[in-house]
mmCIF file of all heavy atoms, coordinates in Angstrom:
data_MODEL
# 
_entry.id   MODEL 
# 
loop_
_atom_site.group_PDB 
_atom_site.id 
_atom_site.type_symbol 
_atom_site.label_atom_id 
_atom_site.label_alt_id 
_atom_site.label_comp_id 
_atom_site.label_asym_id 
_atom_site.label_entity_id 
_atom_site.label_seq_id 
_atom_site.pdbx_PDB_ins_code 
_atom_site.Cartn_x 
_atom_site.Cartn_y 
_atom_site.Cartn_z 
_atom_site.occupancy 
_atom_site.B_iso_or_equiv 
_atom_site.pdbx_formal_charge 
_atom_site.auth_seq_id 
_atom_site.auth_comp_id 
_atom_site.auth_asym_id 
_atom_site.auth_atom_id 
_atom_site.pdbx_PDB_model_num 
ATOM 1   N N   . ALA A 1 1  ? 5.295  -0.809  14.924  1.00 0.00 ? 1  ALA A N   1 
ATOM 2   C CA  . ALA A 1 1  ? 4.133  -1.599  14.510  1.00 0.00 ? 1  ALA A CA  1 
ATOM 3   C C   . ALA A 1 1  ? 4.290  -2.091  13.106  1.00 0.00 ? 1  ALA A C   1 
ATOM 4   O O   . ALA A 1 1  ? 4.880  -1.452  12.259  1.00 0.00 ? 1  ALA A O   1 
ATOM 5   C CB  . ALA A 1 1  ? 2.897  -0.739  14.646  1.00 0.00 ? 1  ALA A CB  1 
ATOM 6   N N   . ASP A 1 2  ? 3.746  -3.269  12.867  1.00 0.00 ? 2  ASP A N   1 
ATOM 7   C CA  . ASP A 1 2  ? 3.798  -3.914  11.528  1.00 0.00 ? 2  ASP A CA  1 
ATOM 8   C C   . ASP A 1 2  ? 2.496  -3.629  10.805  1.00 0.00 ? 2  ASP A C   1 
ATOM 9   O O   . ASP A 1 2  ? 1.443  -4.161  11.180  1.00 0.00 ? 2  ASP A O   1 
ATOM 10  C CB  . ASP A 1 2  ? 4.038  -5.418  11.688  1.00 0.00 ? 2  ASP A CB  1 
ATOM 11  C CG  . ASP A 1 2  ? 4.224  -6.130  10.378  1.00 0.00 ? 2  ASP A CG  1 
ATOM 12  O OD1 . ASP A 1 2  ? 4.546  -5.473  9.383   1.00 0.00 ? 2  ASP A OD1 1 
ATOM 13  O OD2 . ASP A 1 2  ? 4.069  -7.360  10.347  1.00 0.00 ? 2  ASP A OD2 1 
ATOM 14  N N   . LEU A 1 3  ? 2.530  -2.765  9.785   1.00 0.00 ? 3  LEU A N   1 
ATOM 15  C CA  . LEU A 1 3  ? 1.336  -2.459  8.991   1.00 0.00 ? 3  LEU A CA  1 
ATOM 16  C C   . LEU A 1 3  ? 1.551  -3.005  7.608   1.00 0.00 ? 3  LEU A C   1 
ATOM 17  O O   . LEU A 1 3  ? 2.512  -2.605  6.909   1.00 0.00 ? 3  LEU A O   1 
ATOM 18  C CB  . LEU A 1 3  ? 1.076  -0.929  8.957   1.00 0.00 ? 3  LEU A CB  1 
ATOM 19  C CG  . LEU A 1 3  ? 0.326  -0.317  10.142  1.00 0.00 ? 3  LEU A CG  1 
ATOM 20  C CD1 . LEU A 1 3  ? 1.109  -0.459  11.430  1.00 0.00 ? 3  LEU A CD1 1 
ATOM 21  C CD2 . LEU A 1 3  ? 0.068  1.175   9.899   1.00 0.00 ? 3  LEU A CD2 1 
ATOM 22  N N   . ALA A 1 4  ? 0.700  -3.932  7.172   1.00 0.00 ? 4  ALA A N   1 
ATOM 23  C CA  . ALA A 1 4  ? 0.932  -4.670  5.967   1.00 0.00 ? 4  ALA A CA  1 
ATOM 24  C C   . ALA A 1 4  ? -0.365 -4.793  5.156   1.00 0.00 ? 4  ALA A C   1 
ATOM 25  O O   . ALA A 1 4  ? -1.461 -4.715  5.699   1.00 0.00 ? 4  ALA A O   1 
ATOM 26  C CB  . ALA A 1 4  ? 1.498  -6.052  6.234   1.00 0.00 ? 4  ALA A CB  1 
ATOM 27  N N   . ILE A 1 5  ? -0.203 -4.996  3.848   1.00 0.00 ? 5  ILE A N   1 
ATOM 28  C CA  . ILE A 1 5  ? -1.363 -5.177  2.977   1.00 0.00 ? 5  ILE A CA  1 
ATOM 29  C C   . ILE A 1 5  ? -1.076 -6.269  1.943   1.00 0.00 ? 5  ILE A C   1 
ATOM 30  O O   . ILE A 1 5  ? 0.079  -6.403  1.461   1.00 0.00 ? 5  ILE A O   1 
ATOM 31  C CB  . ILE A 1 5  ? -1.730 -3.847  2.250   1.00 0.00 ? 5  ILE A CB  1 
ATOM 32  C CG1 . ILE A 1 5  ? -3.019 -4.036  1.427   1.00 0.00 ? 5  ILE A CG1 1 
ATOM 33  C CG2 . ILE A 1 5  ? -0.569 -3.364  1.391   1.00 0.00 ? 5  ILE A CG2 1 
ATOM 34  C CD1 . ILE A 1 5  ? -3.546 -2.707  0.886   1.00 0.00 ? 5  ILE A CD1 1 
ATOM 35  N N   . GLU A 1 6  ? -2.061 -7.091  1.605   1.00 0.00 ? 6  GLU A N   1 
ATOM 36  C CA  . GLU A 1 6  ? -1.972 -7.993  0.495   1.00 0.00 ? 6  GLU A CA  1 
ATOM 37  C C   . GLU A 1 6  ? -2.405 -7.282  -0.769  1.00 0.00 ? 6  GLU A C   1 
ATOM 38  O O   . GLU A 1 6  ? -3.441 -6.593  -0.738  1.00 0.00 ? 6  GLU A O   1 
ATOM 39  C CB  . GLU A 1 6  ? -2.876 -9.208  0.743   1.00 0.00 ? 6  GLU A CB  1 
ATOM 40  C CG  . GLU A 1 6  ? -2.437 -10.098 1.906   1.00 0.00 ? 6  GLU A CG  1 
ATOM 41  C CD  . GLU A 1 6  ? -3.336 -11.289 2.112   1.00 0.00 ? 6  GLU A CD  1 
ATOM 42  O OE1 . GLU A 1 6  ? -4.075 -11.652 1.156   1.00 0.00 ? 6  GLU A OE1 1 
ATOM 43  O OE2 . GLU A 1 6  ? -3.354 -11.839 3.228   1.00 0.00 ? 6  GLU A OE2 1 
ATOM 44  N N   . ALA A 1 7  ? -1.662 -7.435  -1.838  1.00 0.00 ? 7  ALA A N   1 
ATOM 45  C CA  . ALA A 1 7  ? -1.938 -6.680  -3.023  1.00 0.00 ? 7  ALA A CA  1 
ATOM 46  C C   . ALA A 1 7  ? -1.902 -7.551  -4.294  1.00 0.00 ? 7  ALA A C   1 
ATOM 47  O O   . ALA A 1 7  ? -1.106 -8.496  -4.349  1.00 0.00 ? 7  ALA A O   1 
ATOM 48  C CB  . ALA A 1 7  ? -0.947 -5.530  -3.186  1.00 0.00 ? 7  ALA A CB  1 
ATOM 49  N N   . ASP A 1 8  ? -2.727 -7.215  -5.225  1.00 0.00 ? 8  ASP A N   1 
ATOM 50  C CA  . ASP A 1 8  ? -2.705 -7.868  -6.552  1.00 0.00 ? 8  ASP A CA  1 
ATOM 51  C C   . ASP A 1 8  ? -1.902 -6.967  -7.435  1.00 0.00 ? 8  ASP A C   1 
ATOM 52  O O   . ASP A 1 8  ? -2.254 -5.804  -7.694  1.00 0.00 ? 8  ASP A O   1 
ATOM 53  C CB  . ASP A 1 8  ? -4.135 -7.992  -7.064  1.00 0.00 ? 8  ASP A CB  1 
ATOM 54  C CG  . ASP A 1 8  ? -4.205 -8.740  -8.402  1.00 0.00 ? 8  ASP A CG  1 
ATOM 55  O OD1 . ASP A 1 8  ? -3.198 -8.758  -9.123  1.00 0.00 ? 8  ASP A OD1 1 
ATOM 56  O OD2 . ASP A 1 8  ? -5.295 -9.250  -8.722  1.00 0.00 ? 8  ASP A OD2 1 
ATOM 57  N N   . PRO A 1 9  ? -0.735 -7.437  -7.974  1.00 0.00 ? 9  PRO A N   1 
ATOM 58  C CA  . PRO A 1 9  ? 0.111  -6.555  -8.809  1.00 0.00 ? 9  PRO A CA  1 
ATOM 59  C C   . PRO A 1 9  ? -0.556 -6.056  -10.045 1.00 0.00 ? 9  PRO A C   1 
ATOM 60  O O   . PRO A 1 9  ? -0.150 -4.988  -10.590 1.00 0.00 ? 9  PRO A O   1 
ATOM 61  C CB  . PRO A 1 9  ? 1.315  -7.440  -9.128  1.00 0.00 ? 9  PRO A CB  1 
ATOM 62  C CG  . PRO A 1 9  ? 0.853  -8.828  -8.920  1.00 0.00 ? 9  PRO A CG  1 
ATOM 63  C CD  . PRO A 1 9  ? -0.177 -8.783  -7.810  1.00 0.00 ? 9  PRO A CD  1 
ATOM 64  N N   . ARG A 1 10 ? -1.621 -6.701  -10.452 1.00 0.00 ? 10 ARG A N   1 
ATOM 65  C CA  . ARG A 1 10 ? -2.330 -6.245  -11.665 1.00 0.00 ? 10 ARG A CA  1 
ATOM 66  C C   . ARG A 1 10 ? -3.154 -4.991  -11.470 1.00 0.00 ? 10 ARG A C   1 
ATOM 67  O O   . ARG A 1 10 ? -3.460 -4.308  -12.446 1.00 0.00 ? 10 ARG A O   1 
ATOM 68  C CB  . ARG A 1 10 ? -3.276 -7.381  -12.159 1.00 0.00 ? 10 ARG A CB  1 
ATOM 69  C CG  . ARG A 1 10 ? -2.537 -8.675  -12.512 1.00 0.00 ? 10 ARG A CG  1 
ATOM 70  C CD  . ARG A 1 10 ? -3.536 -9.779  -12.833 1.00 0.00 ? 10 ARG A CD  1 
ATOM 71  N NE  . ARG A 1 10 ? -4.370 -10.084 -11.665 1.00 0.00 ? 10 ARG A NE  1 
ATOM 72  C CZ  . ARG A 1 10 ? -5.360 -11.006 -11.672 1.00 0.00 ? 10 ARG A CZ  1 
ATOM 73  N NH1 . ARG A 1 10 ? -5.627 -11.645 -12.798 1.00 0.00 ? 10 ARG A NH1 1 
ATOM 74  N NH2 . ARG A 1 10 ? -6.072 -11.218 -10.596 1.00 0.00 ? 10 ARG A NH2 1 
ATOM 75  N N   . ASN A 1 11 ? -3.507 -4.696  -10.216 1.00 0.00 ? 11 ASN A N   1 
ATOM 76  C CA  . ASN A 1 11 ? -4.357 -3.485  -10.013 1.00 0.00 ? 11 ASN A CA  1 
ATOM 77  C C   . ASN A 1 11 ? -3.869 -2.631  -8.844  1.00 0.00 ? 11 ASN A C   1 
ATOM 78  O O   . ASN A 1 11 ? -4.622 -1.878  -8.272  1.00 0.00 ? 11 ASN A O   1 
ATOM 79  C CB  . ASN A 1 11 ? -5.803 -3.900  -9.791  1.00 0.00 ? 11 ASN A CB  1 
ATOM 80  C CG  . ASN A 1 11 ? -6.008 -4.738  -8.535  1.00 0.00 ? 11 ASN A CG  1 
ATOM 81  O OD1 . ASN A 1 11 ? -5.172 -4.797  -7.660  1.00 0.00 ? 11 ASN A OD1 1 
ATOM 82  N ND2 . ASN A 1 11 ? -7.176 -5.407  -8.425  1.00 0.00 ? 11 ASN A ND2 1 
ATOM 83  N N   . THR A 1 12 ? -2.537 -2.722  -8.552  1.00 0.00 ? 12 THR A N   1 
ATOM 84  C CA  . THR A 1 12 ? -1.990 -1.885  -7.500  1.00 0.00 ? 12 THR A CA  1 
ATOM 85  C C   . THR A 1 12 ? -1.291 -0.684  -8.120  1.00 0.00 ? 12 THR A C   1 
ATOM 86  O O   . THR A 1 12 ? -0.394 -0.848  -8.983  1.00 0.00 ? 12 THR A O   1 
ATOM 87  C CB  . THR A 1 12 ? -0.952 -2.682  -6.669  1.00 0.00 ? 12 THR A CB  1 
ATOM 88  O OG1 . THR A 1 12 ? -1.630 -3.808  -6.071  1.00 0.00 ? 12 THR A OG1 1 
ATOM 89  C CG2 . THR A 1 12 ? -0.351 -1.820  -5.554  1.00 0.00 ? 12 THR A CG2 1 
ATOM 90  N N   . THR A 1 13 ? -1.695 0.517   -7.726  1.00 0.00 ? 13 THR A N   1 
ATOM 91  C CA  . THR A 1 13 ? -1.183 1.727   -8.336  1.00 0.00 ? 13 THR A CA  1 
ATOM 92  C C   . THR A 1 13 ? -0.204 2.448   -7.376  1.00 0.00 ? 13 THR A C   1 
ATOM 93  O O   . THR A 1 13 ? -0.229 2.236   -6.172  1.00 0.00 ? 13 THR A O   1 
ATOM 94  C CB  . THR A 1 13 ? -2.308 2.698   -8.673  1.00 0.00 ? 13 THR A CB  1 
ATOM 95  O OG1 . THR A 1 13 ? -2.932 3.156   -7.455  1.00 0.00 ? 13 THR A OG1 1 
ATOM 96  C CG2 . THR A 1 13 ? -3.377 2.014   -9.559  1.00 0.00 ? 13 THR A CG2 1 
ATOM 97  N N   . ARG A 1 14 ? 0.593  3.329   -7.947  1.00 0.00 ? 14 ARG A N   1 
ATOM 98  C CA  . ARG A 1 14 ? 1.499  4.113   -7.123  1.00 0.00 ? 14 ARG A CA  1 
ATOM 99  C C   . ARG A 1 14 ? 0.711  5.021   -6.176  1.00 0.00 ? 14 ARG A C   1 
ATOM 100 O O   . ARG A 1 14 ? 1.125  5.270   -5.048  1.00 0.00 ? 14 ARG A O   1 
ATOM 101 C CB  . ARG A 1 14 ? 2.414  4.924   -8.007  1.00 0.00 ? 14 ARG A CB  1 
ATOM 102 C CG  . ARG A 1 14 ? 3.573  5.622   -7.250  1.00 0.00 ? 14 ARG A CG  1 
ATOM 103 C CD  . ARG A 1 14 ? 4.459  6.428   -8.146  1.00 0.00 ? 14 ARG A CD  1 
ATOM 104 N NE  . ARG A 1 14 ? 5.549  7.042   -7.424  1.00 0.00 ? 14 ARG A NE  1 
ATOM 105 C CZ  . ARG A 1 14 ? 6.740  6.506   -7.172  1.00 0.00 ? 14 ARG A CZ  1 
ATOM 106 N NH1 . ARG A 1 14 ? 6.992  5.296   -7.651  1.00 0.00 ? 14 ARG A NH1 1 
ATOM 107 N NH2 . ARG A 1 14 ? 7.670  7.174   -6.482  1.00 0.00 ? 14 ARG A NH2 1 
ATOM 108 N N   . GLU A 1 15 ? -0.459 5.484   -6.645  1.00 0.00 ? 15 GLU A N   1 
ATOM 109 C CA  . GLU A 1 15 ? -1.305 6.326   -5.788  1.00 0.00 ? 15 GLU A CA  1 
ATOM 110 C C   . GLU A 1 15 ? -1.746 5.591   -4.538  1.00 0.00 ? 15 GLU A C   1 
ATOM 111 O O   . GLU A 1 15 ? -1.737 6.141   -3.436  1.00 0.00 ? 15 GLU A O   1 
ATOM 112 C CB  . GLU A 1 15 ? -2.516 6.837   -6.589  1.00 0.00 ? 15 GLU A CB  1 
ATOM 113 C CG  . GLU A 1 15 ? -3.402 7.824   -5.838  1.00 0.00 ? 15 GLU A CG  1 
ATOM 114 C CD  . GLU A 1 15 ? -4.587 8.252   -6.615  1.00 0.00 ? 15 GLU A CD  1 
ATOM 115 O OE1 . GLU A 1 15 ? -4.854 7.651   -7.683  1.00 0.00 ? 15 GLU A OE1 1 
ATOM 116 O OE2 . GLU A 1 15 ? -5.302 9.179   -6.159  1.00 0.00 ? 15 GLU A OE2 1 
ATOM 117 N N   . GLN A 1 16 ? -2.155 4.320   -4.714  1.00 0.00 ? 16 GLN A N   1 
ATOM 118 C CA  . GLN A 1 16 ? -2.544 3.527   -3.546  1.00 0.00 ? 16 GLN A CA  1 
ATOM 119 C C   . GLN A 1 16 ? -1.353 3.320   -2.620  1.00 0.00 ? 16 GLN A C   1 
ATOM 120 O O   . GLN A 1 16 ? -1.486 3.427   -1.393  1.00 0.00 ? 16 GLN A O   1 
ATOM 121 C CB  . GLN A 1 16 ? -3.056 2.169   -4.038  1.00 0.00 ? 16 GLN A CB  1 
ATOM 122 C CG  . GLN A 1 16 ? -4.389 2.193   -4.696  1.00 0.00 ? 16 GLN A CG  1 
ATOM 123 C CD  . GLN A 1 16 ? -4.718 0.882   -5.374  1.00 0.00 ? 16 GLN A CD  1 
ATOM 124 O OE1 . GLN A 1 16 ? -3.866 0.263   -6.012  1.00 0.00 ? 16 GLN A OE1 1 
ATOM 125 N NE2 . GLN A 1 16 ? -5.962 0.402   -5.186  1.00 0.00 ? 16 GLN A NE2 1 
ATOM 126 N N   . LEU A 1 17 ? -0.181 3.022   -3.181  1.00 0.00 ? 17 LEU A N   1 
ATOM 127 C CA  . LEU A 1 17 ? 0.982  2.804   -2.354  1.00 0.00 ? 17 LEU A CA  1 
ATOM 128 C C   . LEU A 1 17 ? 1.353  4.058   -1.580  1.00 0.00 ? 17 LEU A C   1 
ATOM 129 O O   . LEU A 1 17 ? 1.796  3.976   -0.427  1.00 0.00 ? 17 LEU A O   1 
ATOM 130 C CB  . LEU A 1 17 ? 2.171  2.357   -3.238  1.00 0.00 ? 17 LEU A CB  1 
ATOM 131 C CG  . LEU A 1 17 ? 2.016  0.982   -3.917  1.00 0.00 ? 17 LEU A CG  1 
ATOM 132 C CD1 . LEU A 1 17 ? 3.152  0.735   -4.902  1.00 0.00 ? 17 LEU A CD1 1 
ATOM 133 C CD2 . LEU A 1 17 ? 1.947  -0.142  -2.916  1.00 0.00 ? 17 LEU A CD2 1 
ATOM 134 N N   . ALA A 1 18 ? 1.193  5.211   -2.200  1.00 0.00 ? 18 ALA A N   1 
ATOM 135 C CA  . ALA A 1 18 ? 1.495  6.458   -1.502  1.00 0.00 ? 18 ALA A CA  1 
ATOM 136 C C   . ALA A 1 18 ? 0.575  6.679   -0.332  1.00 0.00 ? 18 ALA A C   1 
ATOM 137 O O   . ALA A 1 18 ? 0.965  7.150   0.759   1.00 0.00 ? 18 ALA A O   1 
ATOM 138 C CB  . ALA A 1 18 ? 1.396  7.636   -2.493  1.00 0.00 ? 18 ALA A CB  1 
ATOM 139 N N   . VAL A 1 19 ? -0.723 6.305   -0.498  1.00 0.00 ? 19 VAL A N   1 
ATOM 140 C CA  . VAL A 1 19 ? -1.669 6.392   0.612   1.00 0.00 ? 19 VAL A CA  1 
ATOM 141 C C   . VAL A 1 19 ? -1.231 5.475   1.757   1.00 0.00 ? 19 VAL A C   1 
ATOM 142 O O   . VAL A 1 19 ? -1.243 5.874   2.922   1.00 0.00 ? 19 VAL A O   1 
ATOM 143 C CB  . VAL A 1 19 ? -3.104 6.008   0.135   1.00 0.00 ? 19 VAL A CB  1 
ATOM 144 C CG1 . VAL A 1 19 ? -4.037 5.787   1.312   1.00 0.00 ? 19 VAL A CG1 1 
ATOM 145 C CG2 . VAL A 1 19 ? -3.659 7.083   -0.785  1.00 0.00 ? 19 VAL A CG2 1 
ATOM 146 N N   . LEU A 1 20 ? -0.861 4.263   1.422   1.00 0.00 ? 20 LEU A N   1 
ATOM 147 C CA  . LEU A 1 20 ? -0.414 3.306   2.437   1.00 0.00 ? 20 LEU A CA  1 
ATOM 148 C C   . LEU A 1 20 ? 0.805  3.829   3.198   1.00 0.00 ? 20 LEU A C   1 
ATOM 149 O O   . LEU A 1 20 ? 0.869  3.753   4.448   1.00 0.00 ? 20 LEU A O   1 
ATOM 150 C CB  . LEU A 1 20 ? -0.125 1.961   1.791   1.00 0.00 ? 20 LEU A CB  1 
ATOM 151 C CG  . LEU A 1 20 ? -1.306 1.211   1.194   1.00 0.00 ? 20 LEU A CG  1 
ATOM 152 C CD1 . LEU A 1 20 ? -0.825 0.093   0.275   1.00 0.00 ? 20 LEU A CD1 1 
ATOM 153 C CD2 . LEU A 1 20 ? -2.242 0.671   2.266   1.00 0.00 ? 20 LEU A CD2 1 
ATOM 154 N N   . ARG A 1 21 ? 1.782  4.293   2.471   1.00 0.00 ? 21 ARG A N   1 
ATOM 155 C CA  . ARG A 1 21 ? 2.998  4.779   3.111   1.00 0.00 ? 21 ARG A CA  1 
ATOM 156 C C   . ARG A 1 21 ? 2.717  6.002   3.997   1.00 0.00 ? 21 ARG A C   1 
ATOM 157 O O   . ARG A 1 21 ? 3.264  6.123   5.105   1.00 0.00 ? 21 ARG A O   1 
ATOM 158 C CB  . ARG A 1 21 ? 4.049  5.147   2.058   1.00 0.00 ? 21 ARG A CB  1 
ATOM 159 C CG  . ARG A 1 21 ? 5.375  5.544   2.695   1.00 0.00 ? 21 ARG A CG  1 
ATOM 160 C CD  . ARG A 1 21 ? 5.920  4.406   3.537   1.00 0.00 ? 21 ARG A CD  1 
ATOM 161 N NE  . ARG A 1 21 ? 7.027  4.865   4.411   1.00 0.00 ? 21 ARG A NE  1 
ATOM 162 C CZ  . ARG A 1 21 ? 7.301  4.367   5.579   1.00 0.00 ? 21 ARG A CZ  1 
ATOM 163 N NH1 . ARG A 1 21 ? 6.519  3.409   6.090   1.00 0.00 ? 21 ARG A NH1 1 
ATOM 164 N NH2 . ARG A 1 21 ? 8.313  4.824   6.278   1.00 0.00 ? 21 ARG A NH2 1 
ATOM 165 N N   . ARG A 1 22 ? 1.818  6.863   3.573   1.00 0.00 ? 22 ARG A N   1 
ATOM 166 C CA  . ARG A 1 22 ? 1.490  8.043   4.412   1.00 0.00 ? 22 ARG A CA  1 
ATOM 167 C C   . ARG A 1 22 ? 0.859  7.612   5.739   1.00 0.00 ? 22 ARG A C   1 
ATOM 168 O O   . ARG A 1 22 ? 1.015  8.328   6.734   1.00 0.00 ? 22 ARG A O   1 
ATOM 169 C CB  . ARG A 1 22 ? 0.493  8.933   3.623   1.00 0.00 ? 22 ARG A CB  1 
ATOM 170 C CG  . ARG A 1 22 ? 0.255  10.286  4.293   1.00 0.00 ? 22 ARG A CG  1 
ATOM 171 C CD  . ARG A 1 22 ? -0.439 11.253  3.344   1.00 0.00 ? 22 ARG A CD  1 
ATOM 172 N NE  . ARG A 1 22 ? -1.782 10.843  2.968   1.00 0.00 ? 22 ARG A NE  1 
ATOM 173 C CZ  . ARG A 1 22 ? -2.119 10.443  1.758   1.00 0.00 ? 22 ARG A CZ  1 
ATOM 174 N NH1 . ARG A 1 22 ? -1.218 10.401  0.770   1.00 0.00 ? 22 ARG A NH1 1 
ATOM 175 N NH2 . ARG A 1 22 ? -3.380 10.109  1.483   1.00 0.00 ? 22 ARG A NH2 1 
ATOM 176 N N   . HIS A 1 23 ? 0.227  6.484   5.763   1.00 0.00 ? 23 HIS A N   1 
ATOM 177 C CA  . HIS A 1 23 ? -0.377 5.958   6.980   1.00 0.00 ? 23 HIS A CA  1 
ATOM 178 C C   . HIS A 1 23 ? 0.574  5.049   7.768   1.00 0.00 ? 23 HIS A C   1 
ATOM 179 O O   . HIS A 1 23 ? 0.170  4.455   8.760   1.00 0.00 ? 23 HIS A O   1 
ATOM 180 C CB  . HIS A 1 23 ? -1.673 5.250   6.671   1.00 0.00 ? 23 HIS A CB  1 
ATOM 181 C CG  . HIS A 1 23 ? -2.805 6.127   6.308   1.00 0.00 ? 23 HIS A CG  1 
ATOM 182 N ND1 . HIS A 1 23 ? -3.501 6.878   7.248   1.00 0.00 ? 23 HIS A ND1 1 
ATOM 183 C CD2 . HIS A 1 23 ? -3.382 6.447   5.111   1.00 0.00 ? 23 HIS A CD2 1 
ATOM 184 C CE1 . HIS A 1 23 ? -4.454 7.591   6.650   1.00 0.00 ? 23 HIS A CE1 1 
ATOM 185 N NE2 . HIS A 1 23 ? -4.393 7.332   5.361   1.00 0.00 ? 23 HIS A NE2 1 
ATOM 186 N N   . GLY A 1 24 ? 1.789  4.931   7.321   1.00 0.00 ? 24 GLY A N   1 
ATOM 187 C CA  . GLY A 1 24 ? 2.779  4.171   8.075   1.00 0.00 ? 24 GLY A CA  1 
ATOM 188 C C   . GLY A 1 24 ? 2.989  2.738   7.655   1.00 0.00 ? 24 GLY A C   1 
ATOM 189 O O   . GLY A 1 24 ? 3.675  1.986   8.386   1.00 0.00 ? 24 GLY A O   1 
ATOM 190 N N   . PHE A 1 25 ? 2.435  2.327   6.526   1.00 0.00 ? 25 PHE A N   1 
ATOM 191 C CA  . PHE A 1 25 ? 2.594  0.927   6.119   1.00 0.00 ? 25 PHE A CA  1 
ATOM 192 C C   . PHE A 1 25 ? 4.032  0.674   5.733   1.00 0.00 ? 25 PHE A C   1 
ATOM 193 O O   . PHE A 1 25 ? 4.711  1.488   5.082   1.00 0.00 ? 25 PHE A O   1 
ATOM 194 C CB  . PHE A 1 25 ? 1.653  0.619   4.941   1.00 0.00 ? 25 PHE A CB  1 
ATOM 195 C CG  . PHE A 1 25 ? 0.291  0.216   5.341   1.00 0.00 ? 25 PHE A CG  1 
ATOM 196 C CD1 . PHE A 1 25 ? -0.546 1.139   5.965   1.00 0.00 ? 25 PHE A CD1 1 
ATOM 197 C CD2 . PHE A 1 25 ? -0.161 -1.056  5.167   1.00 0.00 ? 25 PHE A CD2 1 
ATOM 198 C CE1 . PHE A 1 25 ? -1.823 0.782   6.369   1.00 0.00 ? 25 PHE A CE1 1 
ATOM 199 C CE2 . PHE A 1 25 ? -1.428 -1.431  5.564   1.00 0.00 ? 25 PHE A CE2 1 
ATOM 200 C CZ  . PHE A 1 25 ? -2.278 -0.530  6.186   1.00 0.00 ? 25 PHE A CZ  1 
# 
């Protein structure tokens, strides 16, 4: 499955990315 997100680099944190990856993004 393709799980994707649009992100603003100015307010994207490593903590958010870790949440996304944990859910399979």
